[in-house]
Amino acid sequence: MLHGNAARAAACFLCAEGAFFVWSRAQQSRLGVPPPLFASETSPPSGTAFTTELRRKQVSRILSTEFGDGSTPERGQRFISGWFHGAPWNEIDREAVQTWLAWAWFNRASWEACSTGERAELEEDIATFEQLSGRPFGSTRMTSLTPNEGRTRGLFCMRPNVDPLAPFTKHKPLVLYLLTQLLVGRWSQWRMLRELGFAPRTAKSAKHPGERLRYWHRPPSRPDAPEAPPIVLFHGIGLGYSVNYAPLLADLAAHAGGERTIVAVELPHIRLTMPVDYGANPAVSVLMVRAMLDDVAAISTWKSLTADVIGHSYGTFAVAHLLKHAGECVRSATLVDPVCVGAHRSTLCKSFVYEPAVFGKNAAKRRISAKRRLIGRIKDYLIHSDPRLVGVLMRNFFWWENVLWLDADDLDRGVRSPEQHVTLFVAQHDRYVDGETIYADAQAAINAREQEHGLRRELRAVLWEGLDHGAFLNSVEKRRQVVESVAGVGSRAARGVGAMVGAAEGCGHG
């Protein structure tokens, strides 16, 4: 009898796994269709059409940031080479650059698919790149790339919105998603957040009846708490709030939860769940966050739709969207491991999807223990090759919409008072982006803003020396800096927070 029950159970398990495999493949095929043209007026893939005016503005920013309008030609060369897996400049021919820009500017799969006007625009930009870089592109077609630079995948350049998904994904069994989505992602997270005083809520929007935004709400623990904006947290890619974020949420509750409402927003499209969809585009995301703030205001003493926001890793894109499209909703913004800054570069695309960086910077020069190698391989399998997460970054990620430029147009929309700020906490050895370059760019932006007049947010930057992406979550001191950065705005502690950040900038590591 027992043997018969075990056989039936095994048969049911195999049937379920087989059916899930077929369904998963069908989902990947459906999600693998490239999005419409970037400039589509009727159905822009990001919710905002990449119009000629916007495109020329972004090109101007790239030229100024990467080429220094001719003063930093080597950096400009590295910027372009990066999209070709770091291939030497003299191996990048003109035809390859045409293919790359056909995607980057228009989401065309080839130069031949571009219109006459689009080709003329691309030729002008290619000529500008050549002039500012100090060297022309080659005239012979690329036939290969150097070892470890993408040749094995048959790619001349990285074009995440049009390249096929299959080479970068691996099927996950149903039982794995049951563990990550139900046991860890639901039960464990529910228990942890409940213990910290959070309760689940769902925001809805009248403009998009089918959209929902789930979040966790923690009211102030003091009944006589003064009116203050809520603190809103956006997590990064992974298992949501169930594992790594428990210490940060506990710190926020302990140090700010007495006087402040704390909100932890769930971003389901970047959680390790079944490959169903990619989540809302930026335009809808901002609308849903507005609906959430309206929902929070309805149950708290703070009635204004403003908040002090924290974004970590991929969550910084949500903060970037708010700053650019709903700046009036942001009193202060704290960006930790800010992958949104410099998102026009190839580093994030390459290190997360095309050549996953699971061991950190300079891994080849260091001895890596067997335990770390095993953890790295597990992380690569679970996250970097997950069909849904790869789909998010290759089909629902648009560089011009996600990049946050450290200038007035992106940082100062809706600013009402000089106490408002944007603070960057940058890990020096961030495995996904070039932390030192981001910090240097932030310092340059800070110096430039000091010469400008008018009402602006204060821009701050802290470089965490020796830290890798996400390592701050395991450091009591680094978490304290993040909490004080957001909790001190507009309060008696503001002066102390400003001194702390200034001291961190001075010593270079906080």
Protein backbone atom coordinates (compact mmCIF):
# COMPACT_ATOMS: atom_id res chain seq x y z
CA MET A 1 0.00 0.00 0.00
CA LEU A 2 2.76 2.39 0.98
CA HIS A 3 4.68 1.53 -2.16
CA GLY A 4 1.61 2.24 -4.28
CA ASN A 5 1.01 5.63 -2.62
CA ALA A 6 4.65 6.60 -3.12
CA ALA A 7 4.45 5.64 -6.79
CA ARG A 8 1.29 7.71 -7.26
CA ALA A 9 2.87 10.66 -5.45
CA ALA A 10 5.98 10.44 -7.65
CA ALA A 11 3.82 10.23 -10.76
CA CYS A 12 1.82 13.31 -9.71
CA PHE A 13 5.05 15.18 -8.98
CA LEU A 14 6.51 14.33 -12.39
CA CYS A 15 3.28 15.30 -14.14
CA ALA A 16 3.20 18.64 -12.30
CA GLU A 17 6.83 19.33 -13.18
CA GLY A 18 6.25 18.37 -16.81
CA ALA A 19 3.19 20.60 -17.10
CA PHE A 20 5.07 23.46 -15.44
CA PHE A 21 7.99 23.03 -17.85
CA VAL A 22 5.66 23.34 -20.86
CA TRP A 23 3.88 26.35 -19.33
CA SER A 24 7.16 28.02 -18.38
CA ARG A 25 8.55 27.64 -21.90
CA ALA A 26 5.36 29.11 -23.34
CA GLN A 27 5.63 32.06 -20.95
CA GLN A 28 9.26 32.67 -21.91
CA SER A 29 8.34 32.59 -25.59
CA ARG A 30 5.57 35.11 -25.01
CA LEU A 31 7.73 37.39 -22.90
CA GLY A 32 10.66 37.12 -25.28
CA VAL A 33 9.02 39.26 -27.97
CA PRO A 34 10.98 42.53 -28.31
CA PRO A 35 9.13 45.67 -27.21
CA PRO A 36 7.88 48.24 -29.73
CA LEU A 37 10.07 51.02 -31.09
CA PHE A 38 11.37 53.38 -28.44
CA ALA A 39 9.79 56.39 -30.15
CA SER A 40 6.36 54.81 -30.65
CA GLU A 41 3.76 57.48 -29.93
CA THR A 42 0.83 55.04 -29.69
CA SER A 43 2.39 52.36 -27.46
CA PRO A 44 5.78 53.47 -26.10
CA PRO A 45 7.34 50.51 -24.26
CA SER A 46 8.30 52.50 -21.18
CA GLY A 47 5.21 54.67 -21.05
CA THR A 48 7.20 57.64 -22.37
CA ALA A 49 8.12 57.89 -26.05
CA PHE A 50 11.83 58.38 -26.72
CA THR A 51 11.16 61.37 -28.93
CA THR A 52 13.75 63.21 -31.01
CA GLU A 53 13.87 66.04 -28.48
CA LEU A 54 14.42 63.67 -25.54
CA ARG A 55 16.93 61.59 -27.49
CA ARG A 56 19.03 64.63 -28.41
CA LYS A 57 19.02 65.74 -24.80
CA GLN A 58 20.24 62.33 -23.64
CA VAL A 59 22.94 62.26 -26.31
CA SER A 60 24.13 65.66 -25.13
CA ARG A 61 24.33 64.36 -21.57
CA ILE A 62 26.34 61.33 -22.71
CA LEU A 63 28.78 63.48 -24.65
CA SER A 64 29.27 65.78 -21.68
CA THR A 65 29.61 63.01 -19.09
CA GLU A 66 31.64 60.41 -20.98
CA PHE A 67 33.58 62.43 -23.57
CA GLY A 68 33.82 65.66 -21.60
CA ASP A 69 32.94 67.32 -24.93
CA GLY A 70 36.37 66.25 -26.12
CA SER A 71 38.42 66.58 -22.92
CA THR A 72 38.18 62.87 -21.90
CA PRO A 73 38.52 60.88 -25.15
CA GLU A 74 39.81 57.72 -23.42
CA ARG A 75 36.77 57.61 -21.15
CA GLY A 76 34.53 58.04 -24.17
CA GLN A 77 36.26 55.15 -25.91
CA ARG A 78 35.73 52.97 -22.82
CA PHE A 79 32.05 53.91 -22.76
CA ILE A 80 31.54 52.66 -26.32
CA SER A 81 33.86 49.65 -25.97
CA GLY A 82 31.93 48.54 -22.91
CA TRP A 83 28.86 47.83 -25.03
CA PHE A 84 31.07 45.55 -27.15
CA HIS A 85 32.10 43.44 -24.14
CA GLY A 86 35.20 45.58 -23.66
CA ALA A 87 36.60 44.87 -27.13
CA PRO A 88 39.64 46.99 -28.08
CA TRP A 89 38.71 50.20 -29.84
CA ASN A 90 40.51 49.23 -33.05
CA GLU A 91 38.40 46.05 -33.32
CA ILE A 92 35.12 47.97 -33.34
CA ASP A 93 34.13 48.72 -36.91
CA ARG A 94 31.68 51.28 -38.20
CA GLU A 95 29.02 48.74 -39.18
CA ALA A 96 29.02 47.32 -35.66
CA VAL A 97 28.48 50.79 -34.18
CA GLN A 98 25.62 51.36 -36.61
CA THR A 99 23.98 48.16 -35.36
CA TRP A 100 24.52 49.15 -31.74
CA LEU A 101 23.08 52.66 -32.13
CA ALA A 102 20.14 51.36 -34.18
CA TRP A 103 19.13 49.54 -30.99
CA ALA A 104 20.21 52.17 -28.44
CA TRP A 105 18.43 55.06 -30.15
CA PHE A 106 15.42 53.36 -31.78
CA ASN A 107 15.17 49.68 -30.70
CA ARG A 108 15.79 48.57 -34.28
CA ALA A 109 17.33 45.14 -34.71
CA SER A 110 19.55 46.26 -37.57
CA TRP A 111 20.85 49.25 -39.50
CA GLU A 112 18.82 48.15 -42.51
CA ALA A 113 15.59 48.44 -40.51
CA CYS A 114 16.20 52.16 -39.86
CA SER A 115 14.50 54.82 -41.92
CA THR A 116 16.44 57.32 -44.02
CA GLY A 117 16.03 60.01 -41.36
CA GLU A 118 17.12 57.67 -38.57
CA ARG A 119 20.23 56.66 -40.52
CA ALA A 120 21.14 60.31 -41.06
CA GLU A 121 20.85 60.97 -37.31
CA LEU A 122 22.96 57.94 -36.49
CA GLU A 123 25.67 58.93 -38.96
CA GLU A 124 25.90 62.37 -37.38
CA ASP A 125 26.28 60.83 -33.91
CA ILE A 126 28.88 58.33 -35.11
CA ALA A 127 30.89 61.18 -36.62
CA THR A 128 30.64 63.07 -33.30
CA PHE A 129 31.82 60.01 -31.36
CA GLU A 130 34.80 59.67 -33.68
CA GLN A 131 35.70 63.34 -33.40
CA LEU A 132 35.48 63.50 -29.60
CA SER A 133 37.22 60.15 -29.09
CA GLY A 134 40.09 61.21 -31.33
CA ARG A 135 40.01 58.03 -33.44
CA PRO A 136 37.76 56.79 -36.26
CA PHE A 137 36.07 53.42 -36.20
CA GLY A 138 37.48 50.65 -38.37
CA SER A 139 36.19 50.03 -41.87
CA THR A 140 36.38 46.22 -41.91
CA ARG A 141 33.53 44.20 -40.47
CA MET A 142 34.09 42.56 -37.09
CA THR A 143 34.27 38.79 -37.40
CA SER A 144 35.16 37.92 -33.80
CA LEU A 145 35.78 39.30 -30.36
CA THR A 146 38.70 38.57 -28.08
CA PRO A 147 38.37 35.66 -25.60
CA ASN A 148 35.95 36.16 -22.69
CA GLU A 149 34.43 39.21 -24.37
CA GLY A 150 31.24 37.71 -25.66
CA ARG A 151 32.54 35.80 -28.68
CA THR A 152 31.19 32.49 -27.40
CA ARG A 153 27.67 33.92 -27.48
CA GLY A 154 28.06 35.18 -31.03
CA LEU A 155 27.30 38.78 -30.02
CA PHE A 156 28.94 41.83 -31.51
CA CYS A 157 27.37 44.12 -28.95
CA MET A 158 24.89 43.98 -26.10
CA ARG A 159 21.37 44.92 -27.13
CA PRO A 160 19.17 43.72 -24.26
CA ASN A 161 15.83 44.77 -25.75
CA VAL A 162 16.31 42.85 -29.01
CA ASP A 163 18.74 40.03 -28.17
CA PRO A 164 17.12 36.61 -27.55
CA LEU A 165 16.49 35.62 -23.93
CA ALA A 166 17.20 31.89 -24.26
CA PRO A 167 21.04 32.04 -24.02
CA PHE A 168 20.80 33.77 -20.65
CA THR A 169 18.05 31.80 -18.90
CA LYS A 170 17.81 28.42 -17.22
CA HIS A 171 14.63 26.57 -16.39
CA LYS A 172 13.77 26.35 -12.69
CA PRO A 173 11.68 23.44 -11.36
CA LEU A 174 8.26 24.09 -9.87
CA VAL A 175 9.37 22.95 -6.42
CA LEU A 176 12.00 25.70 -6.33
CA TYR A 177 9.42 28.41 -6.94
CA LEU A 178 7.17 26.89 -4.30
CA LEU A 179 10.02 27.34 -1.85
CA THR A 180 11.04 30.87 -2.90
CA GLN A 181 7.56 32.22 -3.55
CA LEU A 182 5.53 30.61 -0.79
CA LEU A 183 7.80 29.42 2.01
CA VAL A 184 10.50 32.13 1.91
CA GLY A 185 8.82 34.90 -0.04
CA ARG A 186 5.47 34.74 1.72
CA TRP A 187 5.52 32.91 5.02
CA SER A 188 8.98 34.02 6.19
CA GLN A 189 8.46 37.62 5.07
CA TRP A 190 4.99 37.77 6.60
CA ARG A 191 6.29 36.53 9.95
CA MET A 192 9.26 38.90 10.05
CA LEU A 193 7.32 42.01 9.08
CA ARG A 194 4.47 41.20 11.46
CA GLU A 195 6.96 40.93 14.33
CA LEU A 196 8.28 44.41 13.45
CA GLY A 197 4.79 45.90 13.55
CA PHE A 198 4.02 46.01 9.82
CA ALA A 199 0.62 45.16 8.35
CA PRO A 200 -0.06 44.39 4.66
CA ARG A 201 -2.10 46.79 2.55
CA THR A 202 -2.93 47.15 -1.13
CA ALA A 203 -3.17 50.38 -3.11
CA LYS A 204 -5.41 50.66 -6.18
CA SER A 205 -5.68 53.23 -8.94
CA ALA A 206 -8.86 54.41 -10.61
CA LYS A 207 -6.96 55.06 -13.85
CA HIS A 208 -5.63 51.49 -13.98
CA PRO A 209 -8.26 49.25 -12.32
CA GLY A 210 -6.26 46.11 -13.02
CA GLU A 211 -3.12 47.36 -11.25
CA ARG A 212 -2.38 46.72 -7.58
CA LEU A 213 0.53 47.79 -5.41
CA ARG A 214 1.06 45.73 -2.29
CA TYR A 215 2.95 47.35 0.59
CA TRP A 216 3.61 46.90 4.28
CA HIS A 217 2.55 49.70 6.62
CA ARG A 218 3.88 50.45 10.10
CA PRO A 219 2.29 53.42 11.94
CA PRO A 220 4.26 55.43 14.52
CA SER A 221 4.50 53.62 17.83
CA ARG A 222 4.05 56.85 19.80
CA PRO A 223 0.41 57.99 20.00
CA ASP A 224 1.50 61.64 20.26
CA ALA A 225 3.94 61.45 17.33
CA PRO A 226 4.30 64.77 15.45
CA GLU A 227 3.20 65.01 11.85
CA ALA A 228 5.98 63.91 9.50
CA PRO A 229 6.23 62.36 6.04
CA PRO A 230 6.36 58.56 5.88
CA ILE A 231 9.63 56.75 5.18
CA VAL A 232 9.18 54.59 2.08
CA LEU A 233 11.58 51.76 1.24
CA PHE A 234 12.02 50.06 -2.17
CA HIS A 235 13.93 46.75 -2.12
CA GLY A 236 16.26 45.25 -4.72
CA ILE A 237 16.22 42.04 -6.78
CA GLY A 238 15.86 38.79 -4.85
CA LEU A 239 13.43 37.43 -2.26
CA GLY A 240 11.90 40.74 -1.24
CA TYR A 241 12.08 41.63 2.46
CA SER A 242 12.20 38.08 3.75
CA VAL A 243 15.95 37.64 4.34
CA ASN A 244 18.56 40.37 3.93
CA TYR A 245 16.40 43.40 4.73
CA ALA A 246 15.33 42.32 8.23
CA PRO A 247 18.19 44.23 9.97
CA LEU A 248 17.52 47.44 8.00
CA LEU A 249 13.79 47.32 8.72
CA ALA A 250 14.50 46.64 12.38
CA ASP A 251 16.84 49.65 12.50
CA LEU A 252 14.26 51.88 10.86
CA ALA A 253 11.61 50.71 13.32
CA ALA A 254 13.93 51.19 16.31
CA HIS A 255 15.36 54.60 15.41
CA ALA A 256 12.53 56.24 13.46
CA GLY A 257 9.45 54.12 14.10
CA GLY A 258 8.44 56.04 17.20
CA GLU A 259 7.64 59.23 15.30
CA ARG A 260 7.41 58.14 11.66
CA THR A 261 5.22 55.94 9.51
CA ILE A 262 7.35 53.34 7.70
CA VAL A 263 6.30 51.79 4.41
CA ALA A 264 7.98 48.81 2.71
CA VAL A 265 6.86 48.55 -0.91
CA GLU A 266 6.75 45.18 -2.67
CA LEU A 267 8.12 45.11 -6.22
CA PRO A 268 6.87 41.72 -7.47
CA HIS A 269 8.47 41.98 -10.93
CA ILE A 270 11.98 41.76 -9.41
CA ARG A 271 11.29 39.00 -6.90
CA LEU A 272 12.24 35.38 -7.45
CA THR A 273 8.82 34.20 -8.54
CA MET A 274 7.28 32.31 -11.46
CA PRO A 275 7.86 33.90 -14.91
CA VAL A 276 4.43 35.47 -15.34
CA ASP A 277 5.02 39.11 -16.34
CA TYR A 278 7.47 41.98 -16.17
CA GLY A 279 5.55 44.36 -13.94
CA ALA A 280 4.37 47.87 -14.66
CA ASN A 281 6.28 50.33 -16.80
CA PRO A 282 7.72 53.46 -15.14
CA ALA A 283 4.71 55.63 -15.97
CA VAL A 284 2.31 53.20 -14.30
CA SER A 285 4.74 52.58 -11.42
CA VAL A 286 4.80 56.27 -10.51
CA LEU A 287 1.00 56.40 -10.72
CA MET A 288 0.73 53.43 -8.35
CA VAL A 289 3.18 54.95 -5.86
CA ARG A 290 1.03 58.09 -5.88
CA ALA A 291 -2.00 55.92 -5.16
CA MET A 292 -0.09 54.26 -2.32
CA LEU A 293 0.85 57.63 -0.78
CA ASP A 294 -2.79 58.66 -1.01
CA ASP A 295 -3.75 55.45 0.78
CA VAL A 296 -1.14 56.07 3.48
CA ALA A 297 -2.34 59.66 3.96
CA ALA A 298 -5.89 58.43 4.48
CA ILE A 299 -4.87 56.44 7.56
CA SER A 300 -2.26 58.78 9.08
CA THR A 301 -1.96 62.32 10.39
CA TRP A 302 0.34 63.33 7.51
CA LYS A 303 -2.01 64.27 4.67
CA SER A 304 0.45 65.57 2.08
CA LEU A 305 1.51 63.20 -0.71
CA THR A 306 5.21 63.55 0.11
CA ALA A 307 7.66 61.04 1.56
CA ASP A 308 11.28 60.43 2.46
CA VAL A 309 12.26 57.55 0.20
CA ILE A 310 15.02 54.94 0.30
CA GLY A 311 15.93 52.79 -2.66
CA HIS A 312 18.40 49.95 -2.65
CA SER A 313 19.96 48.44 -5.79
CA TYR A 314 17.19 47.91 -8.36
CA GLY A 315 14.88 49.80 -6.00
CA THR A 316 16.82 52.97 -6.83
CA PHE A 317 15.15 52.90 -10.26
CA ALA A 318 11.77 53.34 -8.56
CA VAL A 319 13.19 56.34 -6.69
CA ALA A 320 14.66 57.71 -9.94
CA HIS A 321 11.25 57.51 -11.60
CA LEU A 322 9.70 59.44 -8.71
CA LEU A 323 12.38 62.13 -8.81
CA LYS A 324 12.01 62.59 -12.56
CA HIS A 325 8.24 62.28 -12.92
CA ALA A 326 6.81 63.15 -9.49
CA GLY A 327 9.48 65.17 -7.72
CA GLU A 328 6.85 66.93 -5.63
CA CYS A 329 6.23 63.60 -3.86
CA VAL A 330 9.85 63.29 -2.72
CA ARG A 331 11.10 65.34 0.24
CA SER A 332 14.38 63.45 0.49
CA ALA A 333 15.86 60.55 -1.45
CA THR A 334 18.47 58.12 -0.19
CA LEU A 335 19.99 55.90 -2.89
CA VAL A 336 22.02 52.94 -1.64
CA ASP A 337 24.12 51.01 -4.19
CA PRO A 338 22.60 53.35 -6.82
CA VAL A 339 22.55 51.34 -10.04
CA CYS A 340 20.33 54.03 -11.58
CA VAL A 341 23.25 56.48 -11.75
CA GLY A 342 25.25 55.67 -14.88
CA ALA A 343 22.59 53.28 -16.24
CA HIS A 344 23.46 54.48 -19.75
CA ARG A 345 26.74 52.57 -19.41
CA SER A 346 27.16 48.88 -20.15
CA THR A 347 28.40 47.84 -16.69
CA LEU A 348 25.05 46.85 -15.16
CA CYS A 349 23.81 45.14 -18.32
CA LYS A 350 27.03 43.17 -18.67
CA SER A 351 27.57 42.25 -15.02
CA PHE A 352 24.01 41.11 -14.31
CA VAL A 353 22.93 39.41 -17.53
CA TYR A 354 25.60 38.94 -20.19
CA GLU A 355 28.58 38.08 -17.97
CA PRO A 356 27.21 37.73 -14.42
CA ALA A 357 29.53 39.00 -11.71
CA VAL A 358 28.85 36.70 -8.78
CA PHE A 359 32.21 36.89 -7.01
CA GLY A 360 32.78 40.65 -6.83
CA LYS A 361 35.45 42.87 -8.36
CA ASN A 362 38.98 41.55 -8.91
CA ALA A 363 37.84 37.99 -8.20
CA ALA A 364 40.48 36.58 -10.55
CA LYS A 365 43.23 38.11 -8.39
CA ARG A 366 41.92 36.68 -5.12
CA ARG A 367 41.61 33.19 -3.77
CA ILE A 368 37.95 32.32 -3.46
CA SER A 369 36.95 29.66 -0.97
CA ALA A 370 34.97 26.62 -2.02
CA LYS A 371 32.04 27.89 0.07
CA ARG A 372 31.98 31.25 -1.73
CA ARG A 373 32.25 29.56 -5.11
CA LEU A 374 29.28 27.36 -4.25
CA ILE A 375 27.27 30.37 -3.08
CA GLY A 376 28.22 32.22 -6.26
CA ARG A 377 27.06 29.37 -8.47
CA ILE A 378 23.78 29.11 -6.56
CA LYS A 379 23.24 32.86 -6.89
CA ASP A 380 24.00 32.69 -10.60
CA TYR A 381 21.47 29.89 -11.05
CA LEU A 382 18.75 31.38 -8.85
CA ILE A 383 18.94 35.05 -9.85
CA HIS A 384 21.17 35.84 -12.83
CA SER A 385 19.62 33.17 -15.06
CA ASP A 386 16.06 33.34 -13.79
CA PRO A 387 13.68 33.70 -16.79
CA ARG A 388 11.58 36.40 -15.18
CA LEU A 389 14.45 38.51 -13.84
CA VAL A 390 16.36 38.25 -17.12
CA GLY A 391 13.17 39.25 -18.89
CA VAL A 392 12.80 42.32 -16.69
CA LEU A 393 16.29 43.54 -17.59
CA MET A 394 16.11 42.62 -21.27
CA ARG A 395 12.55 43.50 -22.19
CA ASN A 396 11.19 45.98 -19.65
CA PHE A 397 14.36 47.98 -18.98
CA PHE A 398 14.94 51.14 -21.03
CA TRP A 399 18.16 52.96 -20.33
CA TRP A 400 16.94 56.52 -21.00
CA GLU A 401 13.99 56.06 -18.64
CA ASN A 402 15.99 54.43 -15.84
CA VAL A 403 19.17 56.50 -15.85
CA LEU A 404 19.27 59.23 -13.19
CA TRP A 405 21.43 62.18 -14.22
CA LEU A 406 22.81 64.23 -11.37
CA ASP A 407 21.59 67.52 -12.79
CA ALA A 408 18.79 69.96 -12.07
CA ASP A 409 16.39 68.44 -14.60
CA ASP A 410 16.36 65.08 -12.83
CA LEU A 411 17.02 66.04 -9.20
CA ASP A 412 15.20 69.32 -8.62
CA ARG A 413 11.71 68.81 -9.97
CA GLY A 414 9.10 69.78 -7.41
CA VAL A 415 11.63 70.94 -4.82
CA ARG A 416 10.03 73.25 -2.28
CA SER A 417 12.62 73.94 0.41
CA PRO A 418 16.43 73.93 0.81
CA GLU A 419 16.31 71.15 3.41
CA GLN A 420 15.45 68.59 0.74
CA HIS A 421 18.32 66.38 -0.38
CA VAL A 422 19.46 63.41 -2.45
CA THR A 423 22.11 61.23 -0.80
CA LEU A 424 24.13 58.51 -2.54
CA PHE A 425 25.79 55.68 -0.62
CA VAL A 426 28.21 54.03 -3.05
CA ALA A 427 30.11 50.76 -2.48
CA GLN A 428 33.66 51.08 -3.80
CA HIS A 429 33.83 47.48 -5.03
CA ASP A 430 30.24 47.19 -6.26
CA ARG A 431 30.20 44.13 -8.51
CA TYR A 432 27.44 45.44 -10.76
CA VAL A 433 28.50 49.04 -11.41
CA ASP A 434 31.69 51.08 -11.19
CA GLY A 435 31.31 52.55 -7.72
CA GLU A 436 34.36 54.78 -7.89
CA THR A 437 33.22 56.33 -11.19
CA ILE A 438 29.73 56.99 -9.79
CA TYR A 439 31.23 58.60 -6.70
CA ALA A 440 33.57 60.75 -8.80
CA ASP A 441 30.67 61.87 -10.99
CA ALA A 442 28.67 62.70 -7.87
CA GLN A 443 31.52 64.81 -6.51
CA ALA A 444 31.72 66.66 -9.84
CA ALA A 445 27.96 67.25 -9.74
CA ILE A 446 28.18 68.52 -6.15
CA ASN A 447 30.87 71.01 -7.14
CA ALA A 448 28.84 72.16 -10.15
CA ARG A 449 25.71 72.63 -8.06
CA GLU A 450 27.60 74.86 -5.64
CA GLN A 451 28.14 77.30 -8.51
CA GLU A 452 24.45 77.33 -9.44
CA HIS A 453 21.76 79.50 -7.91
CA GLY A 454 18.14 78.90 -7.12
CA LEU A 455 16.21 76.42 -5.02
CA ARG A 456 17.89 73.02 -5.32
CA ARG A 457 18.13 69.80 -3.39
CA GLU A 458 21.39 69.32 -1.56
CA LEU A 459 23.37 66.52 -3.21
CA ARG A 460 25.50 64.34 -0.94
CA ALA A 461 27.71 61.33 -1.67
CA VAL A 462 29.41 58.79 0.58
CA LEU A 463 31.93 56.22 -0.65
CA TRP A 464 32.05 53.01 1.36
CA GLU A 465 35.60 51.81 0.86
CA GLY A 466 36.13 48.08 0.50
CA LEU A 467 32.41 47.24 0.39
CA ASP A 468 30.64 45.20 -2.28
CA HIS A 469 27.07 45.49 -3.51
CA GLY A 470 24.59 44.98 -0.66
CA ALA A 471 27.29 44.51 1.99
CA PHE A 472 25.95 47.46 4.02
CA LEU A 473 23.03 45.29 5.12
CA ASN A 474 25.46 43.31 7.29
CA SER A 475 27.10 46.41 8.82
CA VAL A 476 25.56 48.11 11.85
CA GLU A 477 27.49 51.32 11.17
CA LYS A 478 26.56 51.55 7.50
CA ARG A 479 22.90 50.86 8.20
CA ARG A 480 23.00 53.62 10.83
CA GLN A 481 24.24 56.08 8.23
CA VAL A 482 21.38 55.17 5.90
CA VAL A 483 18.76 55.44 8.64
CA GLU A 484 20.08 58.79 9.86
CA SER A 485 20.23 60.12 6.31
CA VAL A 486 16.51 59.62 5.78
CA ALA A 487 15.20 59.98 9.34
CA GLY A 488 17.05 63.21 10.10
CA VAL A 489 15.47 65.34 7.38
CA GLY A 490 13.46 68.20 8.83
CA SER A 491 14.00 67.07 12.43
CA ARG A 492 16.21 68.08 15.33
CA ALA A 493 18.76 65.49 14.18
CA ALA A 494 19.20 67.07 10.75
CA ARG A 495 22.27 69.04 11.72
CA GLY A 496 23.93 65.95 13.17
CA VAL A 497 23.14 63.91 10.08
CA GLY A 498 24.65 66.56 7.83
CA ALA A 499 27.83 66.52 9.93
CA MET A 500 27.97 62.73 9.77
CA VAL A 501 27.66 62.67 6.00
CA GLY A 502 30.20 65.43 5.60
CA ALA A 503 32.68 63.55 7.76
CA ALA A 504 32.09 60.39 5.73
CA GLU A 505 32.85 62.30 2.54
CA GLY A 506 36.04 63.63 4.03
CA CYS A 507 37.47 60.25 5.02
CA GLY A 508 36.19 58.49 1.92
CA HIS A 509 34.53 55.53 3.63
CA GLY A 510 31.99 56.86 6.12
